[in-house]
Amino acid sequence: ILGVLAYLGWPWKALLVGRLVPGPIRDWV
């Protein structure tokens, strides 16, 4: 999902702040 957001560009790219959340927590969400 983060890779897709990076591909889409702005404003979706702003959601890449989600990379600050540890992977296991992101996967749980």
PDB file of all heavy atoms in Angstrom:
ATOM      1  N   ILE A   1       0.836  -1.198   0.000  1.00  0.00           N
ATOM      2  CA  ILE A   1       0.000   0.000   0.000  1.00  0.00           C
ATOM      3  C   ILE A   1       0.872   1.249   0.000  1.00  0.00           C
ATOM      4  O   ILE A   1       0.615   2.202  -0.750  1.00  0.00           O
ATOM      5  CB  ILE A   1      -0.956  -0.003   1.217  1.00  0.00           C
ATOM      6  CG1 ILE A   1      -1.949  -1.160   1.119  1.00  0.00           C
ATOM      7  CG2 ILE A   1      -1.660   1.331   1.372  1.00  0.00           C
ATOM      8  CD1 ILE A   1      -2.905  -1.082  -0.046  1.00  0.00           C
ATOM      9  N   LEU A   2       1.919   1.260   0.810  1.00  0.00           N
ATOM     10  CA  LEU A   2       2.820   2.414   0.833  1.00  0.00           C
ATOM     11  C   LEU A   2       3.512   2.594  -0.523  1.00  0.00           C
ATOM     12  O   LEU A   2       3.718   3.726  -0.974  1.00  0.00           O
ATOM     13  CB  LEU A   2       3.844   2.270   1.956  1.00  0.00           C
ATOM     14  CG  LEU A   2       3.276   2.406   3.372  1.00  0.00           C
ATOM     15  CD1 LEU A   2       4.320   2.013   4.409  1.00  0.00           C
ATOM     16  CD2 LEU A   2       2.764   3.815   3.628  1.00  0.00           C
ATOM     17  N   GLY A   3       3.844   1.505  -1.186  1.00  0.00           N
ATOM     18  CA  GLY A   3       4.436   1.598  -2.516  1.00  0.00           C
ATOM     19  C   GLY A   3       3.476   2.188  -3.532  1.00  0.00           C
ATOM     20  O   GLY A   3       3.866   2.980  -4.389  1.00  0.00           O
ATOM     21  N   VAL A   4       2.209   1.817  -3.431  1.00  0.00           N
ATOM     22  CA  VAL A   4       1.190   2.386  -4.327  1.00  0.00           C
ATOM     23  C   VAL A   4       1.030   3.876  -4.053  1.00  0.00           C
ATOM     24  O   VAL A   4       0.940   4.682  -4.982  1.00  0.00           O
ATOM     25  CB  VAL A   4      -0.156   1.640  -4.171  1.00  0.00           C
ATOM     26  CG1 VAL A   4      -1.266   2.363  -4.909  1.00  0.00           C
ATOM     27  CG2 VAL A   4      -0.027   0.213  -4.664  1.00  0.00           C
ATOM     28  N   LEU A   5       0.999   4.260  -2.788  1.00  0.00           N
ATOM     29  CA  LEU A   5       0.871   5.679  -2.438  1.00  0.00           C
ATOM     30  C   LEU A   5       2.045   6.485  -2.986  1.00  0.00           C
ATOM     31  O   LEU A   5       1.869   7.605  -3.484  1.00  0.00           O
ATOM     32  CB  LEU A   5       0.775   5.850  -0.923  1.00  0.00           C
ATOM     33  CG  LEU A   5      -0.495   5.317  -0.269  1.00  0.00           C
ATOM     34  CD1 LEU A   5      -0.364   5.356   1.247  1.00  0.00           C
ATOM     35  CD2 LEU A   5      -1.716   6.091  -0.731  1.00  0.00           C
ATOM     36  N   ALA A   6       3.250   5.933  -2.915  1.00  0.00           N
ATOM     37  CA  ALA A   6       4.429   6.611  -3.466  1.00  0.00           C
ATOM     38  C   ALA A   6       4.289   6.772  -4.976  1.00  0.00           C
ATOM     39  O   ALA A   6       4.644   7.806  -5.541  1.00  0.00           O
ATOM     40  CB  ALA A   6       5.697   5.838  -3.120  1.00  0.00           C
ATOM     41  N   TYR A   7       3.754   5.767  -5.634  1.00  0.00           N
ATOM     42  CA  TYR A   7       3.548   5.815  -7.085  1.00  0.00           C
ATOM     43  C   TYR A   7       2.534   6.892  -7.470  1.00  0.00           C
ATOM     44  O   TYR A   7       2.693   7.587  -8.461  1.00  0.00           O
ATOM     45  CB  TYR A   7       3.079   4.441  -7.571  1.00  0.00           C
ATOM     46  CG  TYR A   7       2.659   4.420  -9.016  1.00  0.00           C
ATOM     47  CD1 TYR A   7       3.606   4.275 -10.025  1.00  0.00           C
ATOM     48  CD2 TYR A   7       1.328   4.551  -9.375  1.00  0.00           C
ATOM     49  CE1 TYR A   7       3.225   4.252 -11.359  1.00  0.00           C
ATOM     50  CE2 TYR A   7       0.941   4.531 -10.696  1.00  0.00           C
ATOM     51  CZ  TYR A   7       1.896   4.390 -11.686  1.00  0.00           C
ATOM     52  OH  TYR A   7       1.512   4.388 -13.006  1.00  0.00           O
ATOM     53  N   LEU A   8       1.478   7.027  -6.664  1.00  0.00           N
ATOM     54  CA  LEU A   8       0.407   7.967  -6.993  1.00  0.00           C
ATOM     55  C   LEU A   8       0.835   9.418  -6.897  1.00  0.00           C
ATOM     56  O   LEU A   8       0.249  10.278  -7.544  1.00  0.00           O
ATOM     57  CB  LEU A   8      -0.809   7.726  -6.079  1.00  0.00           C
ATOM     58  CG  LEU A   8      -1.545   6.418  -6.307  1.00  0.00           C
ATOM     59  CD1 LEU A   8      -2.630   6.246  -5.251  1.00  0.00           C
ATOM     60  CD2 LEU A   8      -2.132   6.364  -7.704  1.00  0.00           C
ATOM     61  N   GLY A   9       1.824   9.718  -6.100  1.00  0.00           N
ATOM     62  CA  GLY A   9       2.281  11.099  -5.970  1.00  0.00           C
ATOM     63  C   GLY A   9       1.397  11.915  -5.039  1.00  0.00           C
ATOM     64  O   GLY A   9       0.576  11.396  -4.294  1.00  0.00           O
ATOM     65  N   TRP A  10       1.601  13.230  -5.098  1.00  0.00           N
ATOM     66  CA  TRP A  10       0.878  14.150  -4.213  1.00  0.00           C
ATOM     67  C   TRP A  10      -0.589  14.172  -4.570  1.00  0.00           C
ATOM     68  O   TRP A  10      -0.894  14.115  -5.743  1.00  0.00           O
ATOM     69  CB  TRP A  10       1.494  15.546  -4.309  1.00  0.00           C
ATOM     70  CG  TRP A  10       0.927  16.471  -3.298  1.00  0.00           C
ATOM     71  CD1 TRP A  10      -0.025  17.412  -3.523  1.00  0.00           C
ATOM     72  CD2 TRP A  10       1.220  16.515  -1.911  1.00  0.00           C
ATOM     73  NE1 TRP A  10      -0.327  18.041  -2.363  1.00  0.00           N
ATOM     74  CE2 TRP A  10       0.420  17.500  -1.343  1.00  0.00           C
ATOM     75  CE3 TRP A  10       2.077  15.793  -1.083  1.00  0.00           C
ATOM     76  CZ2 TRP A  10       0.451  17.811  -0.005  1.00  0.00           C
ATOM     77  CZ3 TRP A  10       2.106  16.102   0.252  1.00  0.00           C
ATOM     78  CH2 TRP A  10       1.300  17.099   0.770  1.00  0.00           C
ATOM     79  N   PRO A  11      -1.537  14.230  -3.665  1.00  0.00           N
ATOM     80  CA  PRO A  11      -1.430  14.366  -2.207  1.00  0.00           C
ATOM     81  C   PRO A  11      -1.309  13.030  -1.485  1.00  0.00           C
ATOM     82  O   PRO A  11      -1.070  12.998  -0.284  1.00  0.00           O
ATOM     83  CB  PRO A  11      -2.723  15.060  -1.822  1.00  0.00           C
ATOM     84  CG  PRO A  11      -3.723  14.546  -2.800  1.00  0.00           C
ATOM     85  CD  PRO A  11      -2.944  14.378  -4.100  1.00  0.00           C
ATOM     86  N   TRP A  12      -1.457  11.919  -2.220  1.00  0.00           N
ATOM     87  CA  TRP A  12      -1.395  10.598  -1.592  1.00  0.00           C
ATOM     88  C   TRP A  12      -0.044  10.329  -0.953  1.00  0.00           C
ATOM     89  O   TRP A  12       0.058   9.626   0.046  1.00  0.00           O
ATOM     90  CB  TRP A  12      -1.720   9.512  -2.615  1.00  0.00           C
ATOM     91  CG  TRP A  12      -3.082   9.661  -3.187  1.00  0.00           C
ATOM     92  CD1 TRP A  12      -3.405  10.140  -4.431  1.00  0.00           C
ATOM     93  CD2 TRP A  12      -4.315   9.383  -2.534  1.00  0.00           C
ATOM     94  NE1 TRP A  12      -4.758  10.164  -4.586  1.00  0.00           N
ATOM     95  CE2 TRP A  12      -5.347   9.702  -3.430  1.00  0.00           C
ATOM     96  CE3 TRP A  12      -4.642   8.892  -1.281  1.00  0.00           C
ATOM     97  CZ2 TRP A  12      -6.675   9.547  -3.109  1.00  0.00           C
ATOM     98  CZ3 TRP A  12      -5.974   8.735  -0.962  1.00  0.00           C
ATOM     99  CH2 TRP A  12      -6.973   9.064  -1.870  1.00  0.00           C
ATOM    100  N   LYS A  13       0.990  10.897  -1.540  1.00  0.00           N
ATOM    101  CA  LYS A  13       2.339  10.674  -1.034  1.00  0.00           C
ATOM    102  C   LYS A  13       2.497  11.176   0.399  1.00  0.00           C
ATOM    103  O   LYS A  13       3.355  10.703   1.134  1.00  0.00           O
ATOM    104  CB  LYS A  13       3.338  11.369  -1.963  1.00  0.00           C
ATOM    105  CG  LYS A  13       4.677  10.745  -2.006  1.00  0.00           C
ATOM    106  CD  LYS A  13       5.498  11.350  -3.119  1.00  0.00           C
ATOM    107  CE  LYS A  13       6.721  10.492  -3.321  1.00  0.00           C
ATOM    108  NZ  LYS A  13       7.506  10.937  -4.457  1.00  0.00           N
ATOM    109  N   ALA A  14       1.658  12.114   0.813  1.00  0.00           N
ATOM    110  CA  ALA A  14       1.713  12.616   2.187  1.00  0.00           C
ATOM    111  C   ALA A  14       1.440  11.497   3.194  1.00  0.00           C
ATOM    112  O   ALA A  14       1.919  11.549   4.335  1.00  0.00           O
ATOM    113  CB  ALA A  14       0.719  13.758   2.375  1.00  0.00           C
ATOM    114  N   LEU A  15       0.698  10.481   2.791  1.00  0.00           N
ATOM    115  CA  LEU A  15       0.387   9.358   3.684  1.00  0.00           C
ATOM    116  C   LEU A  15       1.594   8.443   3.919  1.00  0.00           C
ATOM    117  O   LEU A  15       1.528   7.523   4.732  1.00  0.00           O
ATOM    118  CB  LEU A  15      -0.792   8.557   3.135  1.00  0.00           C
ATOM    119  CG  LEU A  15      -2.117   9.327   3.069  1.00  0.00           C
ATOM    120  CD1 LEU A  15      -3.176   8.499   2.364  1.00  0.00           C
ATOM    121  CD2 LEU A  15      -2.571   9.713   4.464  1.00  0.00           C
ATOM    122  N   LEU A  16       2.700   8.707   3.225  1.00  0.00           N
ATOM    123  CA  LEU A  16       3.908   7.912   3.439  1.00  0.00           C
ATOM    124  C   LEU A  16       4.485   8.124   4.833  1.00  0.00           C
ATOM    125  O   LEU A  16       5.381   7.401   5.255  1.00  0.00           O
ATOM    126  CB  LEU A  16       4.960   8.216   2.374  1.00  0.00           C
ATOM    127  CG  LEU A  16       4.602   7.758   0.970  1.00  0.00           C
ATOM    128  CD1 LEU A  16       5.683   8.168  -0.021  1.00  0.00           C
ATOM    129  CD2 LEU A  16       4.385   6.262   0.933  1.00  0.00           C
ATOM    130  N   VAL A  17       3.951   9.073   5.554  1.00  0.00           N
ATOM    131  CA  VAL A  17       4.322   9.240   6.955  1.00  0.00           C
ATOM    132  C   VAL A  17       4.028   7.942   7.722  1.00  0.00           C
ATOM    133  O   VAL A  17       4.617   7.680   8.767  1.00  0.00           O
ATOM    134  CB  VAL A  17       3.612  10.472   7.575  1.00  0.00           C
ATOM    135  CG1 VAL A  17       2.121  10.228   7.720  1.00  0.00           C
ATOM    136  CG2 VAL A  17       4.234  10.856   8.895  1.00  0.00           C
ATOM    137  N   GLY A  18       3.159   7.118   7.158  1.00  0.00           N
ATOM    138  CA  GLY A  18       2.859   5.810   7.740  1.00  0.00           C
ATOM    139  C   GLY A  18       4.079   4.918   7.863  1.00  0.00           C
ATOM    140  O   GLY A  18       4.082   3.966   8.638  1.00  0.00           O
ATOM    141  N   ARG A  19       5.125   5.220   7.112  1.00  0.00           N
ATOM    142  CA  ARG A  19       6.360   4.428   7.224  1.00  0.00           C
ATOM    143  C   ARG A  19       6.991   4.561   8.600  1.00  0.00           C
ATOM    144  O   ARG A  19       7.827   3.740   8.978  1.00  0.00           O
ATOM    145  CB  ARG A  19       7.364   4.848   6.150  1.00  0.00           C
ATOM    146  CG  ARG A  19       6.992   4.352   4.789  1.00  0.00           C
ATOM    147  CD  ARG A  19       8.114   4.564   3.800  1.00  0.00           C
ATOM    148  NE  ARG A  19       7.756   3.937   2.537  1.00  0.00           N
ATOM    149  CZ  ARG A  19       8.024   4.433   1.357  1.00  0.00           C
ATOM    150  NH1 ARG A  19       8.677   5.578   1.251  1.00  0.00           N
ATOM    151  NH2 ARG A  19       7.663   3.804   0.264  1.00  0.00           N
ATOM    152  N   LEU A  20       6.613   5.594   9.336  1.00  0.00           N
ATOM    153  CA  LEU A  20       7.133   5.775  10.691  1.00  0.00           C
ATOM    154  C   LEU A  20       6.533   4.767  11.670  1.00  0.00           C
ATOM    155  O   LEU A  20       7.085   4.532  12.730  1.00  0.00           O
ATOM    156  CB  LEU A  20       6.843   7.203  11.181  1.00  0.00           C
ATOM    157  CG  LEU A  20       7.501   8.329  10.379  1.00  0.00           C
ATOM    158  CD1 LEU A  20       7.021   9.675  10.866  1.00  0.00           C
ATOM    159  CD2 LEU A  20       9.015   8.219  10.457  1.00  0.00           C
ATOM    160  N   VAL A  21       5.416   4.173  11.286  1.00  0.00           N
ATOM    161  CA  VAL A  21       4.761   3.164  12.120  1.00  0.00           C
ATOM    162  C   VAL A  21       5.444   1.821  11.848  1.00  0.00           C
ATOM    163  O   VAL A  21       5.654   1.455  10.691  1.00  0.00           O
ATOM    164  CB  VAL A  21       3.250   3.084  11.788  1.00  0.00           C
ATOM    165  CG1 VAL A  21       2.571   1.991  12.583  1.00  0.00           C
ATOM    166  CG2 VAL A  21       2.588   4.435  12.002  1.00  0.00           C
ATOM    167  N   PRO A  22       5.780   1.081  12.887  1.00  0.00           N
ATOM    168  CA  PRO A  22       6.429  -0.224  12.673  1.00  0.00           C
ATOM    169  C   PRO A  22       5.573  -1.150  11.803  1.00  0.00           C
ATOM    170  O   PRO A  22       4.338  -1.162  11.889  1.00  0.00           O
ATOM    171  CB  PRO A  22       6.573  -0.791  14.088  1.00  0.00           C
ATOM    172  CG  PRO A  22       6.550   0.417  14.981  1.00  0.00           C
ATOM    173  CD  PRO A  22       5.645   1.408  14.304  1.00  0.00           C
ATOM    174  N   GLY A  23       6.239  -1.933  10.965  1.00  0.00           N
ATOM    175  CA  GLY A  23       5.572  -2.832  10.032  1.00  0.00           C
ATOM    176  C   GLY A  23       4.510  -3.733  10.637  1.00  0.00           C
ATOM    177  O   GLY A  23       3.413  -3.852  10.081  1.00  0.00           O
ATOM    178  N   PRO A  24       4.779  -4.395  11.758  1.00  0.00           N
ATOM    179  CA  PRO A  24       3.746  -5.271  12.333  1.00  0.00           C
ATOM    180  C   PRO A  24       2.468  -4.517  12.712  1.00  0.00           C
ATOM    181  O   PRO A  24       1.368  -5.044  12.550  1.00  0.00           O
ATOM    182  CB  PRO A  24       4.427  -5.860  13.576  1.00  0.00           C
ATOM    183  CG  PRO A  24       5.887  -5.802  13.257  1.00  0.00           C
ATOM    184  CD  PRO A  24       6.071  -4.550  12.446  1.00  0.00           C
ATOM    185  N   ILE A  25       2.606  -3.295  13.165  1.00  0.00           N
ATOM    186  CA  ILE A  25       1.417  -2.503  13.516  1.00  0.00           C
ATOM    187  C   ILE A  25       0.681  -2.094  12.241  1.00  0.00           C
ATOM    188  O   ILE A  25      -0.549  -2.179  12.163  1.00  0.00           O
ATOM    189  CB  ILE A  25       1.798  -1.276  14.367  1.00  0.00           C
ATOM    190  CG1 ILE A  25       2.353  -1.744  15.715  1.00  0.00           C
ATOM    191  CG2 ILE A  25       0.595  -0.343  14.563  1.00  0.00           C
ATOM    192  CD1 ILE A  25       2.945  -0.650  16.567  1.00  0.00           C
ATOM    193  N   ARG A  26       1.431  -1.665  11.213  1.00  0.00           N
ATOM    194  CA  ARG A  26       0.809  -1.315   9.921  1.00  0.00           C
ATOM    195  C   ARG A  26       0.070  -2.509   9.348  1.00  0.00           C
ATOM    196  O   ARG A  26      -1.051  -2.381   8.849  1.00  0.00           O
ATOM    197  CB  ARG A  26       1.870  -0.851   8.914  1.00  0.00           C
ATOM    198  CG  ARG A  26       2.413   0.508   9.135  1.00  0.00           C
ATOM    199  CD  ARG A  26       3.194   1.003   7.915  1.00  0.00           C
ATOM    200  NE  ARG A  26       3.893  -0.013   7.165  1.00  0.00           N
ATOM    201  CZ  ARG A  26       5.204  -0.244   7.237  1.00  0.00           C
ATOM    202  NH1 ARG A  26       5.969   0.479   8.019  1.00  0.00           N
ATOM    203  NH2 ARG A  26       5.757  -1.186   6.503  1.00  0.00           N
ATOM    204  N   ASP A  27       0.684  -3.691   9.407  1.00  0.00           N
ATOM    205  CA  ASP A  27       0.041  -4.891   8.863  1.00  0.00           C
ATOM    206  C   ASP A  27      -1.209  -5.261   9.666  1.00  0.00           C
ATOM    207  O   ASP A  27      -2.199  -5.738   9.104  1.00  0.00           O
ATOM    208  CB  ASP A  27       1.015  -6.065   8.817  1.00  0.00           C
ATOM    209  CG  ASP A  27       2.025  -5.931   7.690  1.00  0.00           C
ATOM    210  OD1 ASP A  27       1.765  -5.153   6.736  1.00  0.00           O
ATOM    211  OD2 ASP A  27       3.071  -6.603   7.754  1.00  0.00           O
ATOM    212  N   TRP A  28      -1.188  -5.042  10.984  1.00  0.00           N
ATOM    213  CA  TRP A  28      -2.355  -5.302  11.812  1.00  0.00           C
ATOM    214  C   TRP A  28      -3.512  -4.397  11.383  1.00  0.00           C
ATOM    215  O   TRP A  28      -4.643  -4.858  11.235  1.00  0.00           O
ATOM    216  CB  TRP A  28      -1.995  -5.086  13.285  1.00  0.00           C
ATOM    217  CG  TRP A  28      -3.130  -5.305  14.221  1.00  0.00           C
ATOM    218  CD1 TRP A  28      -3.638  -6.506  14.639  1.00  0.00           C
ATOM    219  CD2 TRP A  28      -3.918  -4.296  14.849  1.00  0.00           C
ATOM    220  NE1 TRP A  28      -4.698  -6.293  15.496  1.00  0.00           N
ATOM    221  CE2 TRP A  28      -4.882  -4.944  15.640  1.00  0.00           C
ATOM    222  CE3 TRP A  28      -3.898  -2.907  14.832  1.00  0.00           C
ATOM    223  CZ2 TRP A  28      -5.813  -4.253  16.395  1.00  0.00           C
ATOM    224  CZ3 TRP A  28      -4.822  -2.212  15.585  1.00  0.00           C
ATOM    225  CH2 TRP A  28      -5.766  -2.883  16.348  1.00  0.00           C
ATOM    226  N   VAL A  29      -3.217  -3.114  11.155  1.00  0.00           N
ATOM    227  CA  VAL A  29      -4.252  -2.178  10.681  1.00  0.00           C
ATOM    228  C   VAL A  29      -4.727  -2.598   9.294  1.00  0.00           C
ATOM    229  O   VAL A  29      -5.930  -2.594   9.010  1.00  0.00           O
ATOM    230  CB  VAL A  29      -3.732  -0.727  10.684  1.00  0.00           C
ATOM    231  CG1 VAL A  29      -4.713   0.218  10.000  1.00  0.00           C
ATOM    232  CG2 VAL A  29      -3.440  -0.267  12.098  1.00  0.00           C
TER     233      VAL A  29
END
